[in-house]
Amino acid sequence: MRQRYARVLVAIGVLALGSAGTGTAHASPAPPRGCPSTAEIFATNNTAVITDPADPRLQTRLDRFDREVRGIIRSHGAKPGSSTLLDGVFWSDELKQTTYERSREFDVNRVGPEGLRHIADVIRKEYHQESVLTFRCLPRNAPDTDAVEIQAPGVSATRLHDALVADPEARERLGGGSVTVGGRLILIAPLADLPLARKLAADLGVDWNTAEVRYGDEEFVG
């Protein structure tokens, strides 16, 4: 995923293939309470810059990509979970406008930090991406916790677009976000930017009492 994804979503040192990577994948404990999986990988096979929300490439379901990535996860010693189709809306500093992208979020279990990083790097190289975002779910007070993942219902890609256009600070620092096809916001932000992310959520009409906030470690593998 391109580097502008770096302040968005809306969950790796690179290891050589071998027993060390596989062993690390099985060394991870169960996910913390409230987390459906140990970790998440956010990835796409898109390499184009798409600025038109009506572009037909945004209608793809990425079904083949889904199968291929789940195979990569499995072949490198981790256990793939569910996969969610996403509509991403991002702010491009270079173009000075919003860009769009179809992507998927992959749940990953039985994986440690090094194994997760390695899998993300394999995906990055396979699909010619500048970076791939990962989010490892952790307790709030864990030493590696540096980010939050916010999920909330009732948000459309159009509303996310309009909120980013209207808030220069949010689009510059957070970069954008993603929405599931069912209208659920997924936003990953550094802990330091949690107040800004909460403000963006409010601008989107999100009732904070309905939002799910998970803590963890984000990384852009590139």
C-alpha atoms as a PDB file:
ATOM      1  CA  MET A   1       0.000   0.000   0.000  1.00  0.00           C
ATOM      2  CA  ARG A   2       1.344   3.404  -0.871  1.00  0.00           C
ATOM      3  CA  GLN A   3       3.009   5.502   1.825  1.00  0.00           C
ATOM      4  CA  ARG A   4       0.061   7.875   2.164  1.00  0.00           C
ATOM      5  CA  TYR A   5      -1.651   4.961   3.937  1.00  0.00           C
ATOM      6  CA  ALA A   6       0.717   5.660   6.801  1.00  0.00           C
ATOM      7  CA  ARG A   7      -1.692   7.619   9.002  1.00  0.00           C
ATOM      8  CA  VAL A   8      -4.845   5.740   8.097  1.00  0.00           C
ATOM      9  CA  LEU A   9      -6.185   2.473   9.031  1.00  0.00           C
ATOM     10  CA  VAL A  10      -8.575   1.818   7.953  1.00  0.00           C
ATOM     11  CA  ALA A  11      -3.887  -4.212  10.943  1.00  0.00           C
ATOM     12  CA  ILE A  12       6.324  -6.127  10.200  1.00  0.00           C
ATOM     13  CA  GLY A  13      12.268  -6.518  10.690  1.00  0.00           C
ATOM     14  CA  VAL A  14      12.223  -8.593   7.576  1.00  0.00           C
ATOM     15  CA  LEU A  15      13.196 -12.243   8.139  1.00  0.00           C
ATOM     16  CA  ALA A  16      14.616 -14.688   5.691  1.00  0.00           C
ATOM     17  CA  LEU A  17      12.441 -17.699   5.021  1.00  0.00           C
ATOM     18  CA  GLY A  18      13.143 -20.602   7.294  1.00  0.00           C
ATOM     19  CA  SER A  19      12.465 -22.140  10.641  1.00  0.00           C
ATOM     20  CA  ALA A  20      13.009 -18.905  12.578  1.00  0.00           C
ATOM     21  CA  GLY A  21      10.116 -17.129  10.820  1.00  0.00           C
ATOM     22  CA  THR A  22       7.824 -20.116  11.157  1.00  0.00           C
ATOM     23  CA  GLY A  23       8.663 -20.642  14.811  1.00  0.00           C
ATOM     24  CA  THR A  24       7.948 -17.015  15.622  1.00  0.00           C
ATOM     25  CA  ALA A  25       4.571 -17.243  13.917  1.00  0.00           C
ATOM     26  CA  HIS A  26       3.452 -19.899  16.405  1.00  0.00           C
ATOM     27  CA  ALA A  27       4.909 -18.133  19.455  1.00  0.00           C
ATOM     28  CA  SER A  28       2.194 -15.488  19.785  1.00  0.00           C
ATOM     29  CA  PRO A  29      -0.329 -15.721  22.634  1.00  0.00           C
ATOM     30  CA  ALA A  30      -4.075 -15.501  22.104  1.00  0.00           C
ATOM     31  CA  PRO A  31      -5.372 -12.048  21.106  1.00  0.00           C
ATOM     32  CA  PRO A  32      -6.282  -9.677  23.956  1.00  0.00           C
ATOM     33  CA  ARG A  33      -9.875  -9.564  25.102  1.00  0.00           C
ATOM     34  CA  GLY A  34     -12.039  -7.657  22.626  1.00  0.00           C
ATOM     35  CA  CYS A  35      -9.758  -8.391  19.668  1.00  0.00           C
ATOM     36  CA  PRO A  36     -11.038 -10.916  17.091  1.00  0.00           C
ATOM     37  CA  SER A  37      -7.507 -11.775  15.978  1.00  0.00           C
ATOM     38  CA  THR A  38      -3.884 -11.431  16.996  1.00  0.00           C
ATOM     39  CA  ALA A  39      -3.132  -9.020  14.170  1.00  0.00           C
ATOM     40  CA  GLU A  40      -4.422  -7.437  10.987  1.00  0.00           C
ATOM     41  CA  ILE A  41      -2.836  -6.774   7.625  1.00  0.00           C
ATOM     42  CA  PHE A  42      -4.247  -4.022   5.377  1.00  0.00           C
ATOM     43  CA  ALA A  43      -3.241  -4.522   1.766  1.00  0.00           C
ATOM     44  CA  THR A  44      -4.207  -4.015  -1.872  1.00  0.00           C
ATOM     45  CA  ASN A  45      -2.999  -5.101  -5.288  1.00  0.00           C
ATOM     46  CA  ASN A  46      -3.723  -1.668  -6.762  1.00  0.00           C
ATOM     47  CA  THR A  47      -0.775   0.356  -8.070  1.00  0.00           C
ATOM     48  CA  ALA A  48      -2.741   3.148  -9.793  1.00  0.00           C
ATOM     49  CA  VAL A  49      -3.683   6.561  -8.412  1.00  0.00           C
ATOM     50  CA  ILE A  50      -7.480   6.780  -8.558  1.00  0.00           C
ATOM     51  CA  THR A  51      -9.088  10.195  -8.100  1.00  0.00           C
ATOM     52  CA  ASP A  52     -12.556   9.537  -9.550  1.00  0.00           C
ATOM     53  CA  PRO A  53     -14.976   7.924  -7.051  1.00  0.00           C
ATOM     54  CA  ALA A  54     -16.914   6.507 -10.020  1.00  0.00           C
ATOM     55  CA  ASP A  55     -13.871   4.689 -11.405  1.00  0.00           C
ATOM     56  CA  PRO A  56     -14.943   1.091 -12.235  1.00  0.00           C
ATOM     57  CA  ARG A  57     -11.763  -0.254 -10.610  1.00  0.00           C
ATOM     58  CA  LEU A  58     -13.315   0.656  -7.278  1.00  0.00           C
ATOM     59  CA  GLN A  59     -16.051  -1.926  -7.833  1.00  0.00           C
ATOM     60  CA  THR A  60     -13.736  -4.939  -7.736  1.00  0.00           C
ATOM     61  CA  ARG A  61     -14.258  -7.330  -4.839  1.00  0.00           C
ATOM     62  CA  LEU A  62     -10.627  -8.476  -4.845  1.00  0.00           C
ATOM     63  CA  ASP A  63     -11.733 -12.109  -4.510  1.00  0.00           C
ATOM     64  CA  ARG A  64      -8.656 -13.583  -6.171  1.00  0.00           C
ATOM     65  CA  PHE A  65      -6.428 -11.270  -4.143  1.00  0.00           C
ATOM     66  CA  ASP A  66      -8.220 -12.493  -1.021  1.00  0.00           C
ATOM     67  CA  ARG A  67      -7.461 -16.133  -1.810  1.00  0.00           C
ATOM     68  CA  GLU A  68      -3.855 -15.413  -2.737  1.00  0.00           C
ATOM     69  CA  VAL A  69      -3.051 -13.404   0.403  1.00  0.00           C
ATOM     70  CA  ARG A  70      -4.697 -15.960   2.662  1.00  0.00           C
ATOM     71  CA  GLY A  71      -2.496 -18.545   0.977  1.00  0.00           C
ATOM     72  CA  ILE A  72       0.605 -16.432   1.655  1.00  0.00           C
ATOM     73  CA  ILE A  73      -0.356 -16.085   5.321  1.00  0.00           C
ATOM     74  CA  ARG A  74      -0.870 -19.833   5.657  1.00  0.00           C
ATOM     75  CA  SER A  75       2.303 -20.782   3.786  1.00  0.00           C
ATOM     76  CA  HIS A  76       4.412 -18.683   6.165  1.00  0.00           C
ATOM     77  CA  GLY A  77       3.244 -20.418   9.305  1.00  0.00           C
ATOM     78  CA  ALA A  78       0.382 -18.188  10.490  1.00  0.00           C
ATOM     79  CA  LYS A  79      -3.353 -18.870  10.530  1.00  0.00           C
ATOM     80  CA  PRO A  80      -5.527 -16.671   8.290  1.00  0.00           C
ATOM     81  CA  GLY A  81      -8.850 -15.541   9.686  1.00  0.00           C
ATOM     82  CA  SER A  82     -11.595 -13.579   7.998  1.00  0.00           C
ATOM     83  CA  SER A  83     -11.034 -10.916   5.345  1.00  0.00           C
ATOM     84  CA  THR A  84     -12.990  -7.661   4.931  1.00  0.00           C
ATOM     85  CA  LEU A  85     -13.417  -5.620   1.746  1.00  0.00           C
ATOM     86  CA  LEU A  86     -12.693  -1.909   2.242  1.00  0.00           C
ATOM     87  CA  ASP A  87     -13.258   1.376   0.432  1.00  0.00           C
ATOM     88  CA  GLY A  88     -10.416   3.724   1.275  1.00  0.00           C
ATOM     89  CA  VAL A  89     -10.443   7.513   1.013  1.00  0.00           C
ATOM     90  CA  PHE A  90      -7.048   9.193   1.328  1.00  0.00           C
ATOM     91  CA  TRP A  91      -5.606  12.663   1.036  1.00  0.00           C
ATOM     92  CA  SER A  92      -2.716  13.078  -1.406  1.00  0.00           C
ATOM     93  CA  ASP A  93      -0.327  15.919  -0.568  1.00  0.00           C
ATOM     94  CA  GLU A  94       1.225  15.555  -3.987  1.00  0.00           C
ATOM     95  CA  LEU A  95      -2.068  15.845  -5.884  1.00  0.00           C
ATOM     96  CA  LYS A  96      -3.758  18.113  -3.317  1.00  0.00           C
ATOM     97  CA  GLN A  97      -6.934  16.076  -3.566  1.00  0.00           C
ATOM     98  CA  THR A  98      -8.529  12.903  -2.296  1.00  0.00           C
ATOM     99  CA  THR A  99      -7.689   9.549  -3.806  1.00  0.00           C
ATOM    100  CA  TYR A 100      -9.559   6.267  -3.583  1.00  0.00           C
ATOM    101  CA  GLU A 101      -8.607   2.624  -3.246  1.00  0.00           C
ATOM    102  CA  ARG A 102     -10.194  -0.789  -2.847  1.00  0.00           C
ATOM    103  CA  SER A 103      -8.331  -2.932  -0.345  1.00  0.00           C
ATOM    104  CA  ARG A 104      -8.807  -5.753   2.135  1.00  0.00           C
ATOM    105  CA  GLU A 105      -8.165  -6.225   5.826  1.00  0.00           C
ATOM    106  CA  PHE A 106      -6.901  -9.702   6.728  1.00  0.00           C
ATOM    107  CA  ASP A 107      -7.155 -11.162  10.227  1.00  0.00           C
ATOM    108  CA  VAL A 108      -4.045 -13.134  11.201  1.00  0.00           C
ATOM    109  CA  ASN A 109      -3.602 -15.533  14.137  1.00  0.00           C
ATOM    110  CA  ARG A 110      -0.737 -17.636  15.482  1.00  0.00           C
ATOM    111  CA  VAL A 111       1.786 -14.967  14.532  1.00  0.00           C
ATOM    112  CA  GLY A 112       4.420 -12.970  16.405  1.00  0.00           C
ATOM    113  CA  PRO A 113       5.823  -9.526  15.527  1.00  0.00           C
ATOM    114  CA  GLU A 114       8.646 -10.827  13.336  1.00  0.00           C
ATOM    115  CA  GLY A 115       6.438 -13.319  11.543  1.00  0.00           C
ATOM    116  CA  LEU A 116       3.819 -10.642  10.892  1.00  0.00           C
ATOM    117  CA  ARG A 117       6.438  -8.291   9.512  1.00  0.00           C
ATOM    118  CA  HIS A 118       7.801 -10.982   7.242  1.00  0.00           C
ATOM    119  CA  ILE A 119       4.371 -11.881   5.851  1.00  0.00           C
ATOM    120  CA  ALA A 120       3.581  -8.220   5.180  1.00  0.00           C
ATOM    121  CA  ASP A 121       6.872  -7.791   3.349  1.00  0.00           C
ATOM    122  CA  VAL A 122       6.141 -10.821   1.168  1.00  0.00           C
ATOM    123  CA  ILE A 123       2.742  -9.319   0.283  1.00  0.00           C
ATOM    124  CA  ARG A 124       4.330  -5.935  -0.402  1.00  0.00           C
ATOM    125  CA  LYS A 125       6.832  -7.379  -2.847  1.00  0.00           C
ATOM    126  CA  GLU A 126       4.339  -9.716  -4.522  1.00  0.00           C
ATOM    127  CA  TYR A 127       1.910  -6.891  -5.329  1.00  0.00           C
ATOM    128  CA  HIS A 128       4.450  -4.109  -5.941  1.00  0.00           C
ATOM    129  CA  GLN A 129       3.390  -1.886  -3.040  1.00  0.00           C
ATOM    130  CA  GLU A 130       5.470   0.814  -1.370  1.00  0.00           C
ATOM    131  CA  SER A 131       4.248  -0.316   2.040  1.00  0.00           C
ATOM    132  CA  VAL A 132       1.758  -2.588   3.791  1.00  0.00           C
ATOM    133  CA  LEU A 133       0.059  -1.602   7.034  1.00  0.00           C
ATOM    134  CA  THR A 134      -0.160  -3.991   9.976  1.00  0.00           C
ATOM    135  CA  PHE A 135      -1.873  -3.629  13.329  1.00  0.00           C
ATOM    136  CA  ARG A 136      -1.029  -5.986  16.185  1.00  0.00           C
ATOM    137  CA  CYS A 137      -3.691  -5.923  18.905  1.00  0.00           C
ATOM    138  CA  LEU A 138      -2.194  -5.436  22.383  1.00  0.00           C
ATOM    139  CA  PRO A 139      -3.286  -4.472  25.907  1.00  0.00           C
ATOM    140  CA  ARG A 140      -3.555  -0.723  26.396  1.00  0.00           C
ATOM    141  CA  ASN A 141      -0.558  -0.636  28.764  1.00  0.00           C
ATOM    142  CA  ALA A 142       1.708  -2.958  26.752  1.00  0.00           C
ATOM    143  CA  PRO A 143       5.218  -1.554  26.059  1.00  0.00           C
ATOM    144  CA  ASP A 144       4.768  -1.820  22.283  1.00  0.00           C
ATOM    145  CA  THR A 145       1.357  -0.122  22.180  1.00  0.00           C
ATOM    146  CA  ASP A 146       1.648   3.016  20.068  1.00  0.00           C
ATOM    147  CA  ALA A 147      -1.626   3.257  18.145  1.00  0.00           C
ATOM    148  CA  VAL A 148      -5.383   2.808  18.247  1.00  0.00           C
ATOM    149  CA  GLU A 149      -7.846   1.235  15.868  1.00  0.00           C
ATOM    150  CA  ILE A 150     -11.268   2.882  15.869  1.00  0.00           C
ATOM    151  CA  GLN A 151     -14.266   1.118  14.375  1.00  0.00           C
ATOM    152  CA  ALA A 152     -17.741   2.618  14.264  1.00  0.00           C
ATOM    153  CA  PRO A 153     -20.954   1.961  12.321  1.00  0.00           C
ATOM    154  CA  GLY A 154     -22.956   4.312  10.113  1.00  0.00           C
ATOM    155  CA  VAL A 155     -20.220   5.896   7.975  1.00  0.00           C
ATOM    156  CA  SER A 156     -20.115   6.020   4.174  1.00  0.00           C
ATOM    157  CA  ALA A 157     -17.132   6.654   1.932  1.00  0.00           C
ATOM    158  CA  THR A 158     -18.830   9.849   0.738  1.00  0.00           C
ATOM    159  CA  ARG A 159     -19.128  11.182   4.282  1.00  0.00           C
ATOM    160  CA  LEU A 160     -15.514  10.271   4.977  1.00  0.00           C
ATOM    161  CA  HIS A 161     -14.468  12.137   1.825  1.00  0.00           C
ATOM    162  CA  ASP A 162     -16.414  15.251   2.814  1.00  0.00           C
ATOM    163  CA  ALA A 163     -15.072  15.222   6.382  1.00  0.00           C
ATOM    164  CA  LEU A 164     -11.465  15.004   5.184  1.00  0.00           C
ATOM    165  CA  VAL A 165     -11.950  17.806   2.665  1.00  0.00           C
ATOM    166  CA  ALA A 166     -13.390  19.991   5.431  1.00  0.00           C
ATOM    167  CA  ASP A 167     -10.623  19.312   7.993  1.00  0.00           C
ATOM    168  CA  PRO A 168      -7.102  20.140   6.772  1.00  0.00           C
ATOM    169  CA  GLU A 169      -5.440  19.021  10.029  1.00  0.00           C
ATOM    170  CA  ALA A 170      -7.123  15.594   9.998  1.00  0.00           C
ATOM    171  CA  ARG A 171      -6.324  14.912   6.367  1.00  0.00           C
ATOM    172  CA  GLU A 172      -2.701  16.005   6.786  1.00  0.00           C
ATOM    173  CA  ARG A 173      -1.990  14.071   9.991  1.00  0.00           C
ATOM    174  CA  LEU A 174      -4.286  11.062   9.694  1.00  0.00           C
ATOM    175  CA  GLY A 175      -4.138  10.781   5.906  1.00  0.00           C
ATOM    176  CA  GLY A 176      -7.576   9.272   5.533  1.00  0.00           C
ATOM    177  CA  GLY A 177      -9.465   6.169   6.504  1.00  0.00           C
ATOM    178  CA  SER A 178     -11.455   3.219   5.247  1.00  0.00           C
ATOM    179  CA  VAL A 179     -15.051   2.065   5.316  1.00  0.00           C
ATOM    180  CA  THR A 180     -16.389  -1.452   4.896  1.00  0.00           C
ATOM    181  CA  VAL A 181     -19.022  -2.068   2.243  1.00  0.00           C
ATOM    182  CA  GLY A 182     -21.467  -2.361   5.152  1.00  0.00           C
ATOM    183  CA  GLY A 183     -20.712   1.206   6.285  1.00  0.00           C
ATOM    184  CA  ARG A 184     -18.334   0.598   9.191  1.00  0.00           C
ATOM    185  CA  LEU A 185     -15.476   3.048   9.676  1.00  0.00           C
ATOM    186  CA  ILE A 186     -11.984   1.638  10.298  1.00  0.00           C
ATOM    187  CA  LEU A 187      -9.424   4.220  11.317  1.00  0.00           C
ATOM    188  CA  ILE A 188      -5.940   3.567  12.675  1.00  0.00           C
ATOM    189  CA  ALA A 189      -4.080   6.450  14.290  1.00  0.00           C
ATOM    190  CA  PRO A 190      -1.054   7.004  16.528  1.00  0.00           C
ATOM    191  CA  LEU A 191      -1.884   7.337  20.213  1.00  0.00           C
ATOM    192  CA  ALA A 192      -0.727  10.946  20.085  1.00  0.00           C
ATOM    193  CA  ASP A 193      -3.390  11.684  17.465  1.00  0.00           C
ATOM    194  CA  LEU A 194      -6.282  10.013  19.309  1.00  0.00           C
ATOM    195  CA  PRO A 195      -7.976  13.374  20.093  1.00  0.00           C
ATOM    196  CA  LEU A 196      -7.799  14.319  16.407  1.00  0.00           C
ATOM    197  CA  ALA A 197      -9.151  10.921  15.353  1.00  0.00           C
ATOM    198  CA  ARG A 198     -11.982  11.264  17.867  1.00  0.00           C
ATOM    199  CA  LYS A 199     -12.824  14.714  16.450  1.00  0.00           C
ATOM    200  CA  LEU A 200     -12.895  13.305  12.915  1.00  0.00           C
ATOM    201  CA  ALA A 201     -15.201  10.539  14.089  1.00  0.00           C
ATOM    202  CA  ALA A 202     -17.510  13.150  15.626  1.00  0.00           C
ATOM    203  CA  ASP A 203     -17.512  15.114  12.353  1.00  0.00           C
ATOM    204  CA  LEU A 204     -18.609  11.891  10.658  1.00  0.00           C
ATOM    205  CA  GLY A 205     -21.577  11.678  13.001  1.00  0.00           C
ATOM    206  CA  VAL A 206     -20.164   8.819  15.067  1.00  0.00           C
ATOM    207  CA  ASP A 207     -21.558   8.376  18.564  1.00  0.00           C
ATOM    208  CA  TRP A 208     -18.386   7.659  20.552  1.00  0.00           C
ATOM    209  CA  ASN A 209     -20.369   5.332  22.809  1.00  0.00           C
ATOM    210  CA  THR A 210     -20.928   3.029  19.823  1.00  0.00           C
ATOM    211  CA  ALA A 211     -17.281   3.051  18.714  1.00  0.00           C
ATOM    212  CA  GLU A 212     -14.884   0.185  19.377  1.00  0.00           C
ATOM    213  CA  VAL A 213     -11.388   1.318  20.328  1.00  0.00           C
ATOM    214  CA  ARG A 214      -8.588  -1.237  20.279  1.00  0.00           C
ATOM    215  CA  TYR A 215      -4.990  -0.564  21.267  1.00  0.00           C
ATOM    216  CA  GLY A 216      -1.920  -2.004  19.652  1.00  0.00           C
ATOM    217  CA  ASP A 217       1.186  -1.595  17.524  1.00  0.00           C
ATOM    218  CA  GLU A 218       0.971  -0.239  13.984  1.00  0.00           C
ATOM    219  CA  GLU A 219       3.743  -0.699  11.454  1.00  0.00           C
ATOM    220  CA  PHE A 220       4.238   0.219   7.816  1.00  0.00           C
ATOM    221  CA  VAL A 221       6.366  -2.429   6.199  1.00  0.00           C
ATOM    222  CA  GLY A 222       8.219  -1.030   3.242  1.00  0.00           C
END
